[in-house]
Amino acid sequence: MLCAIAVTGCAGAPVQEMSNARQAVRAAEKAGAVTLAPALMAEARQALRNAESHLRQGEYRTARDEAELARAKAVEARRVAEAAGKPSSP
């Protein structure tokens, strides 16, 4: 019974992961990562596009992995942008 629940949980669409990835990309964009961390933003956006494509094809495990990668890249891009945007101490 527990195995069936575990498998069912993994087989569903990664709704939360997709939402998290989209929110992280938007937050990074607002932080200025498009100009301050363009390579990371490009990676985040590409991973999100890949996740969306896999989701449409019903490849939920791969979509989940790509969404998590997109979120991680966007979070990293935001950190870089925020660090670059801070004035240095005298």
Protein backbone atom coordinates (compact mmCIF):
# COMPACT_ATOMS: atom_id res chain seq x y z
CA MET A 1 0.00 0.00 0.00
CA LEU A 2 2.76 2.46 0.92
CA CYS A 3 4.63 1.65 -2.29
CA ALA A 4 1.53 2.44 -4.33
CA ILE A 5 1.17 5.79 -2.60
CA ALA A 6 4.84 6.61 -3.11
CA VAL A 7 4.68 5.74 -6.81
CA THR A 8 1.48 7.72 -7.29
CA GLY A 9 3.05 10.75 -5.61
CA CYS A 10 5.99 10.70 -8.00
CA ALA A 11 3.85 10.11 -11.06
CA GLY A 12 1.72 13.25 -10.74
CA ALA A 13 2.33 16.49 -12.57
CA PRO A 14 4.95 18.63 -10.82
CA VAL A 15 2.61 21.55 -10.22
CA GLN A 16 4.42 22.91 -7.16
CA GLU A 17 7.86 22.57 -8.73
CA MET A 18 6.72 24.41 -11.84
CA SER A 19 5.24 27.19 -9.74
CA ASN A 20 8.41 27.46 -7.66
CA ALA A 21 10.55 27.66 -10.80
CA ARG A 22 8.40 30.37 -12.39
CA GLN A 23 8.41 32.42 -9.19
CA ALA A 24 12.18 32.10 -8.83
CA VAL A 25 12.73 33.22 -12.44
CA ARG A 26 10.46 36.25 -11.92
CA ALA A 27 12.24 37.15 -8.67
CA ALA A 28 15.62 36.93 -10.38
CA GLU A 29 14.39 39.15 -13.22
CA LYS A 30 13.15 41.74 -10.71
CA ALA A 31 16.55 41.65 -8.98
CA GLY A 32 18.23 42.58 -12.26
CA ALA A 33 19.71 39.18 -13.04
CA VAL A 34 18.97 39.57 -16.75
CA THR A 35 21.78 42.13 -16.98
CA LEU A 36 23.86 41.22 -13.91
CA ALA A 37 23.86 37.42 -14.35
CA PRO A 38 22.83 36.82 -17.98
CA ALA A 39 24.35 33.35 -18.36
CA LEU A 40 22.63 32.03 -15.26
CA MET A 41 19.34 33.59 -16.32
CA ALA A 42 19.65 32.02 -19.76
CA GLU A 43 20.21 28.63 -18.12
CA ALA A 44 17.25 29.13 -15.77
CA ARG A 45 14.93 30.15 -18.60
CA GLN A 46 16.05 27.26 -20.80
CA ALA A 47 15.51 24.76 -18.00
CA LEU A 48 12.04 26.22 -17.41
CA ARG A 49 11.21 25.92 -21.12
CA ASN A 50 12.46 22.32 -21.05
CA ALA A 51 10.31 21.61 -17.99
CA GLU A 52 7.24 23.06 -19.69
CA SER A 53 7.90 20.97 -22.79
CA HIS A 54 8.30 17.76 -20.79
CA LEU A 55 5.17 18.59 -18.81
CA ARG A 56 3.14 18.94 -22.03
CA GLN A 57 4.47 15.55 -23.15
CA GLY A 58 3.47 13.91 -19.86
CA GLU A 59 7.09 13.29 -18.87
CA TYR A 60 6.52 14.36 -15.28
CA ARG A 61 9.73 13.09 -13.69
CA THR A 62 11.88 14.89 -16.26
CA ALA A 63 9.69 17.99 -16.01
CA ARG A 64 10.16 17.98 -12.23
CA ASP A 65 13.95 17.67 -12.58
CA GLU A 66 14.10 20.51 -15.11
CA ALA A 67 11.84 22.71 -12.96
CA GLU A 68 14.08 22.14 -9.95
CA LEU A 69 17.12 22.99 -12.05
CA ALA A 70 15.42 26.16 -13.31
CA ARG A 71 14.62 27.21 -9.75
CA ALA A 72 18.17 26.56 -8.58
CA LYS A 73 19.70 28.53 -11.47
CA ALA A 74 17.27 31.41 -10.94
CA VAL A 75 18.04 31.53 -7.21
CA GLU A 76 21.75 31.59 -8.00
CA ALA A 77 21.23 34.33 -10.60
CA ARG A 78 19.28 36.39 -8.08
CA ARG A 79 22.05 36.04 -5.50
CA VAL A 80 24.63 37.18 -8.05
CA ALA A 81 22.48 40.12 -9.10
CA GLU A 82 21.79 41.20 -5.53
CA ALA A 83 25.48 40.95 -4.63
CA ALA A 84 26.47 42.95 -7.72
CA GLY A 85 23.85 45.57 -6.99
CA LYS A 86 25.01 46.25 -3.44
CA PRO A 87 27.32 49.22 -2.97
CA SER A 88 30.74 48.24 -1.70
CA SER A 89 31.82 49.31 1.77
CA PRO A 90 34.54 51.96 2.06
